Protein backbone atom coordinates (compact mmCIF):
# COMPACT_ATOMS: atom_id res chain seq x y z
CA UNK A 1 -0.12 127.95 -94.98
CA UNK A 2 2.88 127.32 -92.71
CA UNK A 3 2.79 130.51 -90.70
CA UNK A 4 1.36 129.62 -87.32
CA UNK A 5 0.32 133.16 -86.45
CA UNK A 6 -1.57 133.68 -89.71
CA UNK A 7 -3.45 130.41 -89.37
CA UNK A 8 -4.27 131.03 -85.71
CA UNK A 9 -5.51 134.53 -86.51
CA UNK A 10 -7.66 133.16 -89.32
CA UNK A 11 -9.37 130.69 -87.03
CA UNK A 12 -9.84 132.90 -83.98
CA UNK A 13 -10.34 136.28 -85.58
CA UNK A 14 -7.73 137.69 -83.16
CA UNK A 15 -4.33 139.22 -83.71
CA UNK A 16 -1.60 137.10 -82.19
CA UNK A 17 -0.59 139.80 -79.72
CA UNK A 18 -4.10 140.54 -78.46
CA UNK A 19 -4.77 139.77 -74.80
CA UNK A 20 -7.40 140.33 -72.14
CA UNK A 21 -5.86 143.65 -71.20
CA UNK A 22 -8.10 146.64 -71.72
CA UNK A 23 -11.28 144.58 -71.85
CA UNK A 24 -14.57 145.67 -70.35
CA UNK A 25 -15.53 145.04 -66.74
CA UNK A 26 -17.77 142.16 -67.85
CA UNK A 27 -14.88 140.61 -69.79
CA UNK A 28 -12.60 141.00 -66.78
CA UNK A 29 -15.10 139.18 -64.55
CA UNK A 30 -15.27 136.33 -67.06
CA UNK A 31 -11.48 136.21 -67.14
CA UNK A 32 -11.51 135.68 -63.37
CA UNK A 33 -14.10 132.92 -63.78
CA UNK A 34 -11.89 131.40 -66.50
CA UNK A 35 -8.92 131.31 -64.14
CA UNK A 36 -11.01 129.50 -61.52
CA UNK A 37 -12.51 127.12 -64.05
CA UNK A 38 -9.05 125.94 -65.09
CA UNK A 39 -8.68 124.45 -61.62
CA UNK A 40 -12.08 122.75 -61.65
CA UNK A 41 -12.30 120.98 -65.04
CA UNK A 42 -14.04 123.98 -66.52
CA UNK A 43 -16.93 123.84 -64.06
CA UNK A 44 -18.11 127.08 -62.49
CA UNK A 45 -18.86 126.66 -58.76
CA UNK A 46 -22.27 127.28 -57.28
CA UNK A 47 -23.08 130.69 -55.87
CA UNK A 48 -25.67 131.03 -53.09
CA UNK A 49 -26.83 127.49 -53.80
CA UNK A 50 -27.65 128.29 -57.45
CA UNK A 51 -25.81 126.24 -60.06
CA UNK A 52 -24.01 128.30 -62.69
CA UNK A 53 -23.02 126.74 -65.99
CA UNK A 54 -19.47 127.49 -66.99
CA UNK A 55 -18.86 130.49 -69.21
CA UNK A 56 -15.52 129.30 -70.61
CA UNK A 57 -13.39 126.21 -71.17
CA UNK A 58 -10.55 124.97 -68.93
CA UNK A 59 -8.00 126.08 -71.56
CA UNK A 60 -8.06 128.45 -74.56
CA UNK A 61 -7.52 127.37 -78.16
CA UNK A 62 -4.20 125.70 -78.82
CA UNK A 63 -1.37 126.97 -81.00
CA UNK A 64 -0.81 125.45 -84.44
CA UNK A 65 3.00 125.57 -84.70
CA UNK A 66 4.55 124.64 -88.03
CA UNK A 67 1.42 122.96 -89.33
CA UNK A 68 0.70 122.86 -93.05
CA UNK A 69 -3.00 122.53 -93.83
CA UNK A 70 -2.22 121.99 -97.50
CA UNK A 71 0.01 118.96 -96.78
CA UNK A 72 -3.09 117.13 -95.56
CA UNK A 73 -5.88 118.50 -97.72
CA UNK A 74 -4.13 118.36 -101.12
CA UNK A 75 -4.78 114.60 -101.06
CA UNK A 76 -8.50 115.07 -100.38
CA UNK A 77 -9.75 117.23 -103.27
CA UNK A 78 -13.18 116.02 -104.35
CA UNK A 79 -13.29 113.30 -101.70
CA UNK A 80 -15.74 112.87 -98.84
CA UNK A 81 -13.83 113.97 -95.74
CA UNK A 82 -15.67 111.58 -93.41
CA UNK A 83 -13.51 108.81 -94.93
CA UNK A 84 -10.26 110.69 -94.32
CA UNK A 85 -8.39 110.53 -91.01
CA UNK A 86 -7.86 114.18 -90.14
CA UNK A 87 -5.30 115.50 -87.63
CA UNK A 88 -6.60 116.92 -84.40
CA UNK A 89 -5.48 120.43 -85.43
CA UNK A 90 -8.76 120.77 -87.35
CA UNK A 91 -10.98 119.94 -84.38
CA UNK A 92 -12.91 121.73 -81.68
CA UNK A 93 -13.38 119.91 -78.33
CA UNK A 94 -16.90 118.64 -79.02
CA UNK A 95 -18.25 115.51 -80.65
CA UNK A 96 -20.62 115.92 -83.59
CA UNK A 97 -23.32 114.50 -81.29
CA UNK A 98 -22.79 117.47 -78.99
CA UNK A 99 -22.74 119.85 -81.94
CA UNK A 100 -26.14 118.48 -83.00
CA UNK A 101 -27.48 119.37 -79.57
CA UNK A 102 -27.01 123.04 -80.41
CA UNK A 103 -30.29 122.83 -82.31
CA UNK A 104 -31.82 123.28 -78.86
CA UNK A 105 -30.14 126.55 -77.91
CA UNK A 106 -33.34 128.49 -78.71
CA UNK A 107 -35.82 126.00 -77.27
CA UNK A 108 -38.04 128.87 -76.12
CA UNK A 109 -39.22 129.17 -79.73
CA UNK A 110 -40.69 125.67 -79.59
CA UNK A 111 -42.41 126.49 -76.32
CA UNK A 112 -43.78 129.65 -77.90
CA UNK A 113 -45.12 127.69 -80.89
CA UNK A 114 -46.92 125.33 -78.53
CA UNK A 115 -48.81 128.30 -77.04
CA UNK A 116 -49.84 129.93 -80.33
CA UNK A 117 -53.37 129.26 -81.57
CA UNK A 118 -52.93 130.36 -85.19
CA UNK A 119 -51.21 127.83 -87.49
CA UNK A 120 -49.52 130.53 -89.62
CA UNK A 121 -48.04 132.10 -86.50
CA UNK A 122 -46.83 128.68 -85.41
CA UNK A 123 -45.18 128.16 -88.78
CA UNK A 124 -43.42 131.52 -88.45
CA UNK A 125 -42.04 130.49 -85.07
CA UNK A 126 -40.98 127.05 -86.31
CA UNK A 127 -39.23 128.74 -89.26
CA UNK A 128 -37.38 131.02 -86.86
CA UNK A 129 -36.34 127.95 -84.86
CA UNK A 130 -35.03 126.27 -88.03
CA UNK A 131 -32.90 129.34 -88.82
CA UNK A 132 -31.70 129.71 -85.23
CA UNK A 133 -30.43 126.11 -85.31
CA UNK A 134 -27.61 127.07 -87.70
CA UNK A 135 -26.78 130.43 -86.07
CA UNK A 136 -24.18 128.94 -83.73
CA UNK A 137 -22.11 127.89 -86.76
CA UNK A 138 -21.05 131.46 -87.51
CA UNK A 139 -17.26 131.68 -87.06
CA UNK A 140 -17.18 128.04 -85.85
CA UNK A 141 -14.41 126.89 -88.18
CA UNK A 142 -13.26 123.99 -86.00
CA UNK A 143 -14.39 120.49 -86.98
CA UNK A 144 -16.24 118.48 -84.31
CA UNK A 145 -14.85 115.05 -83.53
CA UNK A 146 -16.33 112.20 -85.56
CA UNK A 147 -18.45 110.13 -83.14
CA UNK A 148 -17.39 106.54 -82.57
CA UNK A 149 -19.92 103.87 -83.47
CA UNK A 150 -22.16 103.44 -80.43
CA UNK A 151 -21.17 106.78 -78.89
CA UNK A 152 -24.00 108.62 -77.13
CA UNK A 153 -24.76 112.01 -75.65
CA UNK A 154 -27.48 113.04 -73.28
CA UNK A 155 -28.49 116.49 -72.14
CA UNK A 156 -31.20 117.49 -69.70
CA UNK A 157 -31.89 121.21 -69.33
CA UNK A 158 -34.61 121.76 -66.77
CA UNK A 159 -34.21 125.53 -67.18
CA UNK A 160 -35.14 125.14 -70.85
CA UNK A 161 -37.62 122.32 -70.35
CA UNK A 162 -36.18 119.49 -72.46
CA UNK A 163 -34.06 116.36 -72.40
CA UNK A 164 -32.15 114.86 -75.33
CA UNK A 165 -30.47 111.59 -76.20
CA UNK A 166 -28.37 110.95 -79.31
CA UNK A 167 -26.45 107.95 -80.64
CA UNK A 168 -24.01 107.29 -83.47
CA UNK A 169 -25.95 104.56 -85.24
CA UNK A 170 -23.72 104.04 -88.29
CA UNK A 171 -20.04 104.50 -89.07
CA UNK A 172 -20.02 104.13 -92.88
CA UNK A 173 -21.89 106.23 -93.74
CA UNK A 174 -21.63 108.26 -90.50
CA UNK A 175 -25.18 108.76 -89.20
CA UNK A 176 -26.11 110.50 -85.96
CA UNK A 177 -29.63 110.08 -84.57
CA UNK A 178 -31.17 112.28 -81.88
CA UNK A 179 -34.42 112.47 -79.94
CA UNK A 180 -35.53 115.43 -77.84
CA UNK A 181 -38.66 115.65 -75.74
CA UNK A 182 -40.26 118.41 -73.73
CA UNK A 183 -40.23 117.79 -69.98
CA UNK A 184 -43.84 119.01 -69.99
CA UNK A 185 -44.85 116.73 -72.85
CA UNK A 186 -45.48 119.63 -75.24
CA UNK A 187 -43.26 118.57 -78.14
CA UNK A 188 -40.92 115.96 -79.58
CA UNK A 189 -38.04 116.96 -81.86
CA UNK A 190 -36.00 114.26 -83.56
CA UNK A 191 -33.97 113.36 -86.61
CA UNK A 192 -30.96 111.59 -88.10
CA UNK A 193 -28.15 113.47 -89.84
CA UNK A 194 -25.65 112.20 -92.37
CA UNK A 195 -23.13 115.03 -92.92
CA UNK A 196 -21.29 114.69 -96.24
CA UNK A 197 -18.12 116.81 -96.29
CA UNK A 198 -16.15 117.55 -99.44
CA UNK A 199 -13.00 119.54 -100.04
CA UNK A 200 -12.95 121.64 -103.21
CA UNK A 201 -9.45 123.12 -103.25
CA UNK A 202 -10.08 126.32 -101.29
CA UNK A 203 -13.22 125.42 -99.35
CA UNK A 204 -14.92 122.61 -97.44
CA UNK A 205 -18.61 122.04 -98.15
CA UNK A 206 -20.96 120.23 -95.78
CA UNK A 207 -24.20 118.75 -97.05
CA UNK A 208 -26.32 117.85 -94.01
CA UNK A 209 -28.35 114.98 -95.40
CA UNK A 210 -31.18 113.77 -93.22
CA UNK A 211 -34.67 114.78 -92.14
CA UNK A 212 -35.61 116.75 -89.05
CA UNK A 213 -39.07 116.25 -87.51
CA UNK A 214 -40.94 118.38 -84.98
CA UNK A 215 -44.19 117.24 -83.37
CA UNK A 216 -46.37 119.70 -81.43
CA UNK A 217 -48.66 117.49 -79.36
CA UNK A 218 -51.23 120.08 -78.30
CA UNK A 219 -51.96 121.01 -81.90
CA UNK A 220 -51.49 117.46 -83.26
CA UNK A 221 -49.08 118.84 -85.85
CA UNK A 222 -45.89 117.50 -87.42
CA UNK A 223 -43.29 119.55 -89.30
CA UNK A 224 -40.33 118.25 -91.31
CA UNK A 225 -37.36 119.97 -92.98
CA UNK A 226 -33.68 119.63 -93.86
CA UNK A 227 -30.77 121.97 -93.13
CA UNK A 228 -29.02 124.22 -95.69
CA UNK A 229 -25.55 123.60 -97.10
CA UNK A 230 -22.62 125.03 -95.15
CA UNK A 231 -19.29 126.08 -96.69
CA UNK A 232 -16.04 127.02 -94.95
CA UNK A 233 -13.93 129.22 -97.25
CA UNK A 234 -10.14 129.70 -97.33
CA UNK A 235 -9.06 126.55 -95.52
CA UNK A 236 -5.66 126.91 -97.24
CA UNK A 237 -5.00 130.64 -97.52
CA UNK A 238 -6.75 133.77 -96.25
CA UNK A 239 -9.26 134.42 -93.50
CA UNK A 240 -11.61 131.55 -92.75
CA UNK A 241 -15.29 132.40 -93.16
CA UNK A 242 -18.59 130.53 -93.35
CA UNK A 243 -21.69 130.83 -95.47
CA UNK A 244 -24.97 128.90 -95.50
CA UNK A 245 -26.88 128.48 -98.73
CA UNK A 246 -29.68 126.46 -100.28
CA UNK A 247 -33.44 126.10 -100.05
CA UNK A 248 -35.09 124.79 -96.91
CA UNK A 249 -38.72 123.68 -97.08
CA UNK A 250 -40.65 123.29 -93.85
CA UNK A 251 -43.86 121.33 -94.28
CA UNK A 252 -46.75 121.19 -91.82
CA UNK A 253 -48.08 117.71 -92.60
CA UNK A 254 -51.25 118.34 -90.61
CA UNK A 255 -52.44 121.56 -92.30
CA UNK A 256 -50.69 121.42 -95.68
CA UNK A 257 -48.99 124.76 -95.02
CA UNK A 258 -45.43 125.22 -96.21
CA UNK A 259 -42.56 127.61 -95.49
CA UNK A 260 -39.87 128.02 -98.15
CA UNK A 261 -36.63 129.62 -96.92
CA UNK A 262 -33.84 130.65 -99.28
CA UNK A 263 -30.43 130.85 -97.59
CA UNK A 264 -28.68 133.08 -100.10
CA UNK A 265 -25.07 132.63 -101.21
CA UNK A 266 -23.07 135.80 -100.70
CA UNK A 267 -22.87 136.60 -104.44
CA UNK A 268 -20.20 138.50 -106.36
CA UNK A 269 -20.51 141.75 -104.40
CA UNK A 270 -21.42 140.19 -101.06
CA UNK A 271 -24.75 141.98 -100.76
CA UNK A 272 -26.54 138.75 -99.92
CA UNK A 273 -24.06 137.55 -97.28
CA UNK A 274 -25.94 135.72 -94.48
CA UNK A 275 -29.35 136.73 -95.84
CA UNK A 276 -32.40 134.50 -95.57
CA UNK A 277 -35.66 135.23 -97.38
CA UNK A 278 -38.77 133.17 -97.79
CA UNK A 279 -42.50 132.93 -97.46
CA UNK A 280 -45.29 130.90 -95.89
CA UNK A 281 -48.12 129.61 -98.04
CA UNK A 282 -51.36 127.94 -97.00
CA UNK A 283 -52.70 124.68 -98.42
CA UNK A 284 -54.21 126.59 -101.37
CA UNK A 285 -50.67 127.94 -102.12
CA UNK A 286 -51.60 131.51 -101.23
CA UNK A 287 -48.73 133.50 -99.72
CA UNK A 288 -49.66 134.47 -96.18
CA UNK A 289 -46.48 136.22 -95.07
CA UNK A 290 -42.87 136.88 -96.02
CA UNK A 291 -39.95 136.03 -93.75
CA UNK A 292 -36.60 137.80 -94.03
CA UNK A 293 -33.43 138.51 -92.09
CA UNK A 294 -29.98 137.03 -91.50
CA UNK A 295 -29.12 133.69 -89.94
CA UNK A 296 -26.33 135.46 -88.04
CA UNK A 297 -28.59 138.14 -86.61
CA UNK A 298 -32.41 138.06 -86.60
CA UNK A 299 -35.54 137.06 -88.52
CA UNK A 300 -38.68 139.12 -89.21
CA UNK A 301 -42.13 138.50 -90.68
CA UNK A 302 -44.18 140.93 -92.75
CA UNK A 303 -47.29 141.05 -94.94
CA UNK A 304 -46.49 140.10 -98.60
CA UNK A 305 -47.90 143.36 -99.99
CA UNK A 306 -45.77 145.46 -97.65
CA UNK A 307 -42.74 143.42 -98.63
CA UNK A 308 -43.31 143.87 -102.37
CA UNK A 309 -43.89 147.62 -101.95
CA UNK A 310 -40.62 147.90 -100.00
CA UNK A 311 -38.72 145.97 -102.68
CA UNK A 312 -39.97 148.27 -105.42
CA UNK A 313 -38.87 151.35 -103.48
CA UNK A 314 -35.52 149.78 -102.66
CA UNK A 315 -34.87 148.79 -106.27
CA UNK A 316 -35.81 152.22 -107.56
CA UNK A 317 -33.52 153.97 -105.11
CA UNK A 318 -30.44 151.76 -105.49
CA UNK A 319 -30.19 150.66 -109.13
CA UNK A 320 -28.44 153.78 -110.46
CA UNK A 321 -26.17 154.00 -107.42
CA UNK A 322 -25.08 150.39 -107.82
CA UNK A 323 -24.19 150.89 -111.49
CA UNK A 324 -22.17 153.97 -110.65
CA UNK A 325 -20.35 152.19 -107.86
CA UNK A 326 -19.42 149.31 -110.14
CA UNK A 327 -17.99 151.76 -112.67
CA UNK A 328 -16.04 153.78 -110.13
CA UNK A 329 -14.89 150.96 -107.84
CA UNK A 330 -14.18 147.78 -109.82
CA UNK A 331 -14.12 144.66 -107.70
CA UNK A 332 -10.61 143.52 -106.81
CA UNK A 333 -9.90 139.92 -107.78
CA UNK A 334 -7.81 137.66 -105.57
CA UNK A 335 -7.01 134.39 -107.27
CA UNK A 336 -5.50 132.87 -104.14
CA UNK A 337 -8.35 133.32 -101.63
CA UNK A 338 -12.12 133.62 -101.52
CA UNK A 339 -12.23 136.97 -99.79
CA UNK A 340 -15.17 137.43 -97.47
CA UNK A 341 -17.14 140.52 -98.47
CA UNK A 342 -17.38 143.27 -95.90
CA UNK A 343 -20.30 142.53 -93.62
CA UNK A 344 -23.23 144.55 -94.87
CA UNK A 345 -25.39 146.81 -92.76
CA UNK A 346 -27.79 145.28 -90.26
CA UNK A 347 -31.13 143.99 -91.52
CA UNK A 348 -33.28 146.84 -92.82
CA UNK A 349 -36.60 146.39 -91.03
CA UNK A 350 -39.68 146.87 -93.21
CA UNK A 351 -42.43 148.93 -91.52
CA UNK A 352 -45.09 146.68 -90.03
CA UNK A 353 -42.71 143.75 -89.49
CA UNK A 354 -42.84 141.41 -86.49
CA UNK A 355 -39.62 140.20 -84.87
CA UNK A 356 -39.49 136.39 -84.77
CA UNK A 357 -36.02 135.73 -83.35
CA UNK A 358 -32.79 137.52 -82.48
CA UNK A 359 -29.44 135.84 -81.86
CA UNK A 360 -28.00 135.77 -78.35
CA UNK A 361 -24.67 137.45 -77.65
CA UNK A 362 -21.62 135.25 -77.17
CA UNK A 363 -19.46 135.19 -74.04
CA UNK A 364 -16.60 137.72 -73.93
CA UNK A 365 -13.91 135.03 -74.23
CA UNK A 366 -15.63 133.21 -77.11
CA UNK A 367 -13.02 134.15 -79.75
CA UNK A 368 -10.31 132.50 -77.67
CA UNK A 369 -12.40 129.34 -77.21
CA UNK A 370 -13.35 128.12 -80.67
CA UNK A 371 -16.03 130.83 -80.97
CA UNK A 372 -18.37 128.82 -78.75
CA UNK A 373 -21.73 130.22 -77.72
CA UNK A 374 -22.80 130.20 -74.08
CA UNK A 375 -24.82 127.07 -74.81
CA UNK A 376 -21.91 125.27 -76.49
CA UNK A 377 -19.50 126.22 -73.70
CA UNK A 378 -21.36 123.99 -71.23
CA UNK A 379 -21.98 120.95 -73.46
CA UNK A 380 -18.89 119.00 -72.37
CA UNK A 381 -19.00 120.09 -68.75
CA UNK A 382 -18.62 117.08 -66.45
CA UNK A 383 -20.23 117.91 -63.14
CA UNK A 384 -19.35 116.08 -59.90
CA UNK A 385 -21.25 112.80 -59.62
CA UNK A 386 -22.24 112.78 -63.28
CA UNK A 387 -19.96 109.84 -64.17
CA UNK A 388 -22.11 107.55 -62.03
CA UNK A 389 -25.24 108.53 -63.94
CA UNK A 390 -24.15 108.78 -67.58
CA UNK A 391 -24.03 105.87 -69.97
CA UNK A 392 -20.42 104.64 -70.36
CA UNK A 393 -20.64 105.68 -74.04
CA UNK A 394 -21.39 109.37 -73.34
CA UNK A 395 -19.20 111.96 -75.11
CA UNK A 396 -18.25 113.61 -71.82
CA UNK A 397 -16.30 110.46 -70.94
CA UNK A 398 -14.39 110.40 -74.22
CA UNK A 399 -10.70 110.88 -73.34
CA UNK A 400 -9.43 112.57 -76.52
CA UNK A 401 -12.08 115.32 -76.40
CA UNK A 402 -11.51 115.78 -72.66
CA UNK A 403 -7.75 116.08 -73.17
CA UNK A 404 -8.17 118.64 -75.95
CA UNK A 405 -10.58 120.68 -73.85
CA UNK A 406 -7.99 120.72 -71.06
CA UNK A 407 -5.31 121.93 -73.47
CA UNK A 408 -3.28 118.69 -73.57
CA UNK A 409 -2.91 118.28 -77.34
CA UNK A 410 -0.31 115.48 -77.28
CA UNK A 411 -2.52 113.33 -75.09
CA UNK A 412 -5.56 114.20 -77.20
CA UNK A 413 -3.78 113.05 -80.38
CA UNK A 414 -2.64 109.80 -78.74
CA UNK A 415 -6.11 109.07 -77.40
CA UNK A 416 -7.76 109.86 -80.73
CA UNK A 417 -5.44 107.43 -82.50
CA UNK A 418 -6.00 104.76 -79.82
CA UNK A 419 -9.80 105.06 -80.03
CA UNK A 420 -9.79 104.90 -83.82
CA UNK A 421 -7.58 101.80 -83.75
CA UNK A 422 -9.83 100.21 -81.14
CA UNK A 423 -12.84 100.91 -83.36
CA UNK A 424 -11.11 99.35 -86.39
CA UNK A 425 -10.13 96.26 -84.39
CA UNK A 426 -13.71 95.82 -83.14
CA UNK A 427 -15.02 96.12 -86.70
CA UNK A 428 -12.57 93.43 -87.92
CA UNK A 429 -13.59 91.14 -85.07
CA UNK A 430 -17.28 91.49 -85.95
CA UNK A 431 -16.51 90.77 -89.60
CA UNK A 432 -14.48 87.69 -88.60
CA UNK A 433 -17.38 86.37 -86.53
CA UNK A 434 -19.97 87.48 -89.13
CA UNK A 435 -21.70 89.65 -86.52
CA UNK A 436 -23.82 92.68 -87.34
CA UNK A 437 -23.59 95.87 -85.29
CA UNK A 438 -26.64 96.35 -83.08
CA UNK A 439 -27.72 99.88 -82.14
CA UNK A 440 -28.76 100.45 -78.53
CA UNK A 441 -31.32 103.26 -78.38
CA UNK A 442 -32.47 103.79 -81.98
CA UNK A 443 -33.66 101.52 -84.76
CA UNK A 444 -34.02 102.00 -88.51
CA UNK A 445 -37.63 102.56 -89.47
CA UNK A 446 -39.92 104.73 -91.57
CA UNK A 447 -40.65 108.36 -90.85
CA UNK A 448 -44.47 108.39 -90.58
CA UNK A 449 -44.72 111.84 -92.19
CA UNK A 450 -42.28 111.62 -95.11
CA UNK A 451 -42.34 107.88 -95.77
CA UNK A 452 -38.53 107.87 -95.98
CA UNK A 453 -36.10 105.80 -93.92
CA UNK A 454 -35.30 107.32 -90.54
CA UNK A 455 -33.67 106.33 -87.28
CA UNK A 456 -36.30 106.33 -84.54
CA UNK A 457 -35.82 106.32 -80.78
CA UNK A 458 -36.89 103.05 -79.14
CA UNK A 459 -37.13 104.52 -75.63
CA UNK A 460 -35.74 103.45 -72.29
CA UNK A 461 -32.51 105.44 -72.13
CA UNK A 462 -33.49 107.48 -69.08
CA UNK A 463 -34.34 104.29 -67.15
CA UNK A 464 -30.55 104.14 -66.66
CA UNK A 465 -30.20 100.47 -67.57
CA UNK A 466 -26.93 100.33 -69.48
CA UNK A 467 -26.27 96.58 -69.46
CA UNK A 468 -25.74 96.17 -73.20
CA UNK A 469 -23.67 99.28 -73.91
CA UNK A 470 -20.53 98.62 -75.98
CA UNK A 471 -17.01 99.23 -74.72
CA UNK A 472 -15.81 101.98 -77.07
CA UNK A 473 -13.45 104.08 -74.91
């Protein structure tokens, strides 16, 4: 794809000649904030002494003039993309460590689970949290920057009641470890992720290897699960679109209860696009409730009998219609692109269902800024005085990401190349001296609940003693 306008439209979902004209009053106000943020590194000033997190980036998405995606990716078919040096045109201005932090966008669900007395209700809420963790990926077709070995990211959100620290603990394979704790001591949420990316000709598939663990201290419970697969379609030709698929099992190691969630692939006619269905069973394997919805929209819970009755009615009423539609309107086949099916109607709510989670709306200028959510928009914000507090390895201090966020693509490319060369030189020097890399805040150990290898937080980061931090920037 050499046409800059087509590629830009595919990524942003906008027509090239669209502008902010004719937008709503709310959009207009955000446009004014955007103009002010450009002059203040993206930071939104305080109003009446109350800190406001920025609602946009310092600069919108960049143009992709005369860039051929195929010229790069045709060499990568079937290979793991983490081993391929990719041009900055594929990126969004966040490190993968920051992208991981988006698990915490819906932290209120964890706080809700801590307050629930019934273990099945807690499992429902934890399941909703697991689904909400991937919701921010919808329309996020930009690739986060690969973290440098030793890179870190911290985030404290007093308004949401948590603090997080993450570290890139391995380069080959690339492994990112994170540890989140409630400021009130209610929960700990941690894990290590090894994202395997492969290019399959028309799509890029991400397999998020690694275990996620949630501990609810009040209830003395521990839950573990893994994330579903993610696929970005039409990276060469057509409109970019994302689907999540695969089975996610959430296990309560304290009660023996289990939640099985099926992230459905869209299927031939697209009826299953974005849909998630599953159930919760107790330790005797009896189904206690059914969970259904869309990872892009909302999740509901309902009694299994009500769910089965609804399915029977639905099947009876739609089977003949579907056959007729297939006869009258044969599916068009496009051999060049994986066309995204038309988005189906909103989730049909079964009578008697309980709402578990609903996605938050995105800021008005999101489409022009890598389709970031409100939460993502603030992740790289560098507030005044923060440089004196952060570890020198924090993502916010990384010059290539900062340059890209500010719209300086030439500088971002130069800095990315410089940092990668510096990382290679450091690796050669360690090999020459027969030195092993030593992680700073995490160590390889055994997950006490699964028995598998895991990277566990050793503590001490928030004591602000950074004496042994590596020089990576």
